[in-house]
N, C-alpha and C. Protein backbone atom coordinates (compact mmCIF):
# COMPACT_ATOMS: atom_id res chain seq x y z
N MET A 1 141.73 -282.65 -4.11
CA MET A 1 141.67 -281.25 -3.79
C MET A 1 143.09 -280.71 -3.77
N SER A 2 143.31 -279.58 -4.41
CA SER A 2 144.66 -279.02 -4.46
C SER A 2 145.04 -278.42 -3.11
N SER A 3 146.31 -278.16 -2.95
CA SER A 3 146.79 -277.61 -1.68
C SER A 3 146.27 -276.19 -1.45
N ARG A 4 145.87 -275.51 -2.51
CA ARG A 4 145.35 -274.16 -2.38
C ARG A 4 143.89 -274.14 -1.96
N GLN A 5 143.18 -275.24 -2.17
CA GLN A 5 141.79 -275.32 -1.74
C GLN A 5 141.74 -275.98 -0.38
N ARG A 6 140.88 -275.47 0.48
CA ARG A 6 140.74 -276.08 1.79
C ARG A 6 139.26 -276.12 2.16
N PRO A 7 138.83 -277.18 2.81
CA PRO A 7 137.43 -277.25 3.24
C PRO A 7 137.10 -276.07 4.16
N GLY A 8 135.93 -275.51 3.98
CA GLY A 8 135.49 -274.42 4.84
C GLY A 8 135.88 -273.04 4.38
N LYS A 9 136.49 -272.91 3.22
CA LYS A 9 136.95 -271.59 2.79
C LYS A 9 135.80 -270.63 2.51
N HIS A 10 134.59 -271.15 2.32
CA HIS A 10 133.43 -270.30 2.05
C HIS A 10 132.66 -269.96 3.32
N ALA A 11 133.06 -270.50 4.43
CA ALA A 11 132.29 -270.38 5.67
C ALA A 11 132.04 -268.94 6.09
N ARG A 12 133.03 -268.10 6.02
CA ARG A 12 132.87 -266.72 6.47
C ARG A 12 131.78 -265.99 5.69
N SER A 13 131.78 -266.13 4.38
CA SER A 13 130.76 -265.42 3.59
C SER A 13 129.37 -266.02 3.79
N VAL A 14 129.28 -267.34 3.91
CA VAL A 14 127.99 -267.98 4.13
C VAL A 14 127.44 -267.60 5.51
N MET A 15 128.29 -267.66 6.52
CA MET A 15 127.83 -267.39 7.88
C MET A 15 127.52 -265.92 8.12
N SER A 16 127.99 -265.03 7.28
CA SER A 16 127.66 -263.61 7.43
C SER A 16 126.41 -263.23 6.64
N ASP A 17 125.85 -264.16 5.90
CA ASP A 17 124.63 -263.91 5.14
C ASP A 17 123.47 -263.66 6.11
N ARG A 18 122.60 -262.74 5.78
CA ARG A 18 121.48 -262.37 6.67
C ARG A 18 120.51 -263.52 6.92
N ARG A 19 120.49 -264.52 6.06
CA ARG A 19 119.57 -265.66 6.23
C ARG A 19 120.12 -266.70 7.20
N TRP A 20 121.41 -266.68 7.46
CA TRP A 20 122.07 -267.69 8.28
C TRP A 20 121.39 -267.91 9.64
N PRO A 21 121.15 -266.87 10.42
CA PRO A 21 120.59 -267.10 11.77
C PRO A 21 119.17 -267.69 11.75
N LEU A 22 118.49 -267.58 10.64
CA LEU A 22 117.11 -268.06 10.54
C LEU A 22 117.00 -269.55 10.23
N LEU A 23 118.11 -270.17 9.88
CA LEU A 23 118.09 -271.56 9.42
C LEU A 23 118.28 -272.56 10.55
N SER A 24 117.74 -273.74 10.34
CA SER A 24 117.97 -274.85 11.27
C SER A 24 119.43 -275.30 11.15
N LEU A 25 119.88 -276.07 12.11
CA LEU A 25 121.25 -276.58 12.06
C LEU A 25 121.48 -277.47 10.84
N ALA A 26 120.48 -278.26 10.47
CA ALA A 26 120.61 -279.14 9.30
C ALA A 26 120.77 -278.32 8.03
N ALA A 27 119.98 -277.25 7.89
CA ALA A 27 120.08 -276.41 6.70
C ALA A 27 121.42 -275.68 6.67
N ARG A 28 121.90 -275.23 7.82
CA ARG A 28 123.21 -274.58 7.88
C ARG A 28 124.31 -275.55 7.44
N ALA A 29 124.24 -276.77 7.96
CA ALA A 29 125.26 -277.77 7.61
C ALA A 29 125.22 -278.09 6.12
N LEU A 30 124.02 -278.21 5.56
CA LEU A 30 123.91 -278.49 4.13
C LEU A 30 124.46 -277.34 3.29
N TRP A 31 124.15 -276.12 3.67
CA TRP A 31 124.64 -274.96 2.93
C TRP A 31 126.17 -274.91 2.96
N LEU A 32 126.75 -275.03 4.14
CA LEU A 32 128.21 -275.01 4.24
C LEU A 32 128.85 -276.18 3.50
N GLY A 33 128.32 -277.36 3.71
CA GLY A 33 128.86 -278.54 3.05
C GLY A 33 128.75 -278.46 1.54
N SER A 34 127.65 -277.92 1.07
CA SER A 34 127.43 -277.81 -0.38
C SER A 34 128.39 -276.84 -1.03
N THR A 35 128.77 -275.78 -0.32
CA THR A 35 129.74 -274.85 -0.92
C THR A 35 131.08 -275.53 -1.14
N ASP A 36 131.48 -276.39 -0.20
CA ASP A 36 132.73 -277.13 -0.37
C ASP A 36 132.60 -278.18 -1.47
N VAL A 37 131.50 -278.89 -1.49
CA VAL A 37 131.27 -279.90 -2.53
C VAL A 37 131.24 -279.23 -3.90
N GLY A 38 130.68 -278.03 -3.96
CA GLY A 38 130.59 -277.29 -5.22
C GLY A 38 131.93 -276.98 -5.85
N ASP A 39 132.99 -276.99 -5.06
CA ASP A 39 134.33 -276.77 -5.61
C ASP A 39 134.79 -277.94 -6.47
N VAL A 40 134.26 -279.13 -6.22
CA VAL A 40 134.69 -280.31 -6.97
C VAL A 40 133.56 -280.94 -7.80
N VAL A 41 132.32 -280.57 -7.52
CA VAL A 41 131.17 -281.07 -8.27
C VAL A 41 130.44 -279.85 -8.85
N PRO A 42 130.77 -279.45 -10.07
CA PRO A 42 130.22 -278.22 -10.64
C PRO A 42 128.70 -278.14 -10.68
N ALA A 43 128.00 -279.26 -10.76
CA ALA A 43 126.53 -279.24 -10.83
C ALA A 43 125.91 -278.66 -9.57
N VAL A 44 126.65 -278.60 -8.48
CA VAL A 44 126.12 -278.04 -7.23
C VAL A 44 125.89 -276.55 -7.35
N ARG A 45 126.71 -275.88 -8.16
CA ARG A 45 126.59 -274.43 -8.24
C ARG A 45 126.48 -273.87 -9.66
N ALA A 46 126.79 -274.66 -10.66
CA ALA A 46 126.80 -274.16 -12.03
C ALA A 46 125.40 -274.18 -12.63
N PRO A 47 125.07 -273.13 -13.37
CA PRO A 47 123.79 -273.15 -14.08
C PRO A 47 123.77 -274.30 -15.08
N GLY A 48 122.64 -274.90 -15.23
CA GLY A 48 122.54 -276.01 -16.17
C GLY A 48 121.17 -276.65 -16.08
N ARG A 49 121.04 -277.74 -16.77
CA ARG A 49 119.76 -278.42 -16.82
C ARG A 49 119.60 -279.49 -15.75
N THR A 50 120.69 -279.85 -15.14
CA THR A 50 120.62 -280.88 -14.10
C THR A 50 121.16 -280.34 -12.80
N GLY A 51 120.49 -280.70 -11.74
CA GLY A 51 120.96 -280.37 -10.40
C GLY A 51 121.47 -281.64 -9.75
N VAL A 52 121.75 -281.56 -8.50
CA VAL A 52 122.23 -282.70 -7.74
C VAL A 52 121.05 -283.24 -6.94
N SER A 53 120.86 -284.54 -6.96
CA SER A 53 119.74 -285.15 -6.26
C SER A 53 119.94 -285.09 -4.75
N VAL A 54 118.86 -285.19 -4.02
CA VAL A 54 118.92 -285.24 -2.56
C VAL A 54 119.78 -286.41 -2.11
N GLU A 55 119.64 -287.54 -2.79
CA GLU A 55 120.44 -288.72 -2.44
C GLU A 55 121.93 -288.48 -2.63
N ASP A 56 122.29 -287.76 -3.70
CA ASP A 56 123.71 -287.45 -3.93
C ASP A 56 124.25 -286.48 -2.88
N TYR A 57 123.44 -285.44 -2.52
CA TYR A 57 123.87 -284.54 -1.45
C TYR A 57 124.13 -285.33 -0.18
N ALA A 58 123.22 -286.26 0.15
CA ALA A 58 123.37 -287.07 1.36
C ALA A 58 124.65 -287.91 1.28
N ARG A 59 124.93 -288.45 0.11
CA ARG A 59 126.14 -289.26 -0.07
C ARG A 59 127.39 -288.40 0.04
N TYR A 60 127.39 -287.23 -0.60
CA TYR A 60 128.56 -286.35 -0.55
C TYR A 60 128.85 -285.88 0.88
N LEU A 61 127.80 -285.66 1.65
CA LEU A 61 127.97 -285.13 3.00
C LEU A 61 127.87 -286.19 4.08
N ALA A 62 127.73 -287.45 3.66
CA ALA A 62 127.67 -288.58 4.58
C ALA A 62 126.62 -288.39 5.67
N THR A 63 125.40 -288.13 5.24
CA THR A 63 124.31 -287.92 6.19
C THR A 63 123.03 -288.61 5.72
N ASP A 64 122.00 -288.51 6.50
CA ASP A 64 120.72 -289.16 6.24
C ASP A 64 119.93 -288.42 5.15
N THR A 65 119.35 -289.17 4.25
CA THR A 65 118.59 -288.60 3.14
C THR A 65 117.41 -287.76 3.62
N ASP A 66 116.71 -288.22 4.65
CA ASP A 66 115.56 -287.47 5.15
C ASP A 66 115.97 -286.11 5.72
N VAL A 67 117.11 -286.07 6.38
CA VAL A 67 117.63 -284.81 6.92
C VAL A 67 117.96 -283.85 5.77
N VAL A 68 118.59 -284.37 4.74
CA VAL A 68 118.94 -283.55 3.57
C VAL A 68 117.67 -283.06 2.88
N ARG A 69 116.70 -283.91 2.73
CA ARG A 69 115.44 -283.52 2.07
C ARG A 69 114.79 -282.35 2.82
N SER A 70 114.74 -282.42 4.13
CA SER A 70 114.17 -281.34 4.93
C SER A 70 114.99 -280.06 4.81
N ALA A 71 116.31 -280.19 4.86
CA ALA A 71 117.19 -279.03 4.76
C ALA A 71 117.11 -278.39 3.38
N VAL A 72 117.02 -279.19 2.33
CA VAL A 72 116.90 -278.66 0.98
C VAL A 72 115.60 -277.85 0.87
N SER A 73 114.53 -278.39 1.39
CA SER A 73 113.25 -277.68 1.36
C SER A 73 113.36 -276.32 2.04
N GLU A 74 114.02 -276.29 3.18
CA GLU A 74 114.21 -275.03 3.90
C GLU A 74 115.08 -274.06 3.11
N LEU A 75 116.13 -274.56 2.49
CA LEU A 75 117.02 -273.69 1.71
C LEU A 75 116.36 -273.19 0.43
N VAL A 76 115.47 -273.97 -0.14
CA VAL A 76 114.72 -273.50 -1.31
C VAL A 76 113.77 -272.38 -0.89
N GLN A 77 113.12 -272.54 0.25
CA GLN A 77 112.18 -271.52 0.74
C GLN A 77 112.86 -270.19 1.00
N CYS A 78 114.09 -270.21 1.46
CA CYS A 78 114.78 -268.94 1.74
C CYS A 78 115.69 -268.49 0.60
N ASP A 79 115.55 -269.12 -0.56
CA ASP A 79 116.22 -268.69 -1.79
C ASP A 79 117.73 -268.92 -1.80
N VAL A 80 118.19 -269.93 -1.08
CA VAL A 80 119.61 -270.30 -1.11
C VAL A 80 119.83 -271.37 -2.17
N MET A 81 118.87 -272.28 -2.33
CA MET A 81 118.94 -273.33 -3.35
C MET A 81 117.75 -273.18 -4.28
N GLU A 82 117.87 -273.80 -5.44
CA GLU A 82 116.76 -273.80 -6.39
C GLU A 82 116.66 -275.16 -7.07
N PRO A 83 115.41 -275.55 -7.40
CA PRO A 83 115.25 -276.81 -8.13
C PRO A 83 115.74 -276.66 -9.57
N VAL A 84 116.44 -277.67 -10.05
CA VAL A 84 116.92 -277.70 -11.43
C VAL A 84 116.73 -279.13 -11.92
N GLY A 85 115.88 -279.31 -12.89
CA GLY A 85 115.60 -280.66 -13.38
C GLY A 85 115.05 -281.49 -12.24
N SER A 86 115.65 -282.63 -12.02
CA SER A 86 115.18 -283.51 -10.94
C SER A 86 116.03 -283.34 -9.67
N GLY A 87 116.86 -282.31 -9.63
CA GLY A 87 117.72 -282.10 -8.48
C GLY A 87 117.69 -280.65 -8.00
N PHE A 88 118.74 -280.26 -7.31
CA PHE A 88 118.82 -278.92 -6.75
C PHE A 88 120.24 -278.41 -6.91
N ARG A 89 120.38 -277.08 -6.92
CA ARG A 89 121.69 -276.46 -6.97
C ARG A 89 121.69 -275.23 -6.09
N LEU A 90 122.86 -274.82 -5.67
CA LEU A 90 122.99 -273.60 -4.87
C LEU A 90 122.69 -272.39 -5.74
N LYS A 91 121.85 -271.54 -5.22
CA LYS A 91 121.57 -270.27 -5.90
C LYS A 91 122.47 -269.19 -5.30
N SER A 92 122.74 -269.29 -4.00
CA SER A 92 123.65 -268.39 -3.30
C SER A 92 124.91 -269.16 -2.99
N TYR A 93 126.01 -268.68 -3.50
CA TYR A 93 127.26 -269.42 -3.32
C TYR A 93 128.33 -268.51 -2.78
């Protein structure tokens, strides 16, 4: 990561989104973490044929796969993430 990029730089815009207060803590953590991961893993946010698997999100964010699976489902329902191929990507970034 370059010196100009810093973890959490997207937090203000994500946390001011109208959907933020409606989400569980796990979904909030996944959304924030995914915006930072998206800076170095383009498949997280770039349009394309492949998304990032639930297992990869869990690995990138060092968390439990079941927690990520539940959070992804919640984020898809509120239109923050979308299914792409066999994975998911951020729709709102």
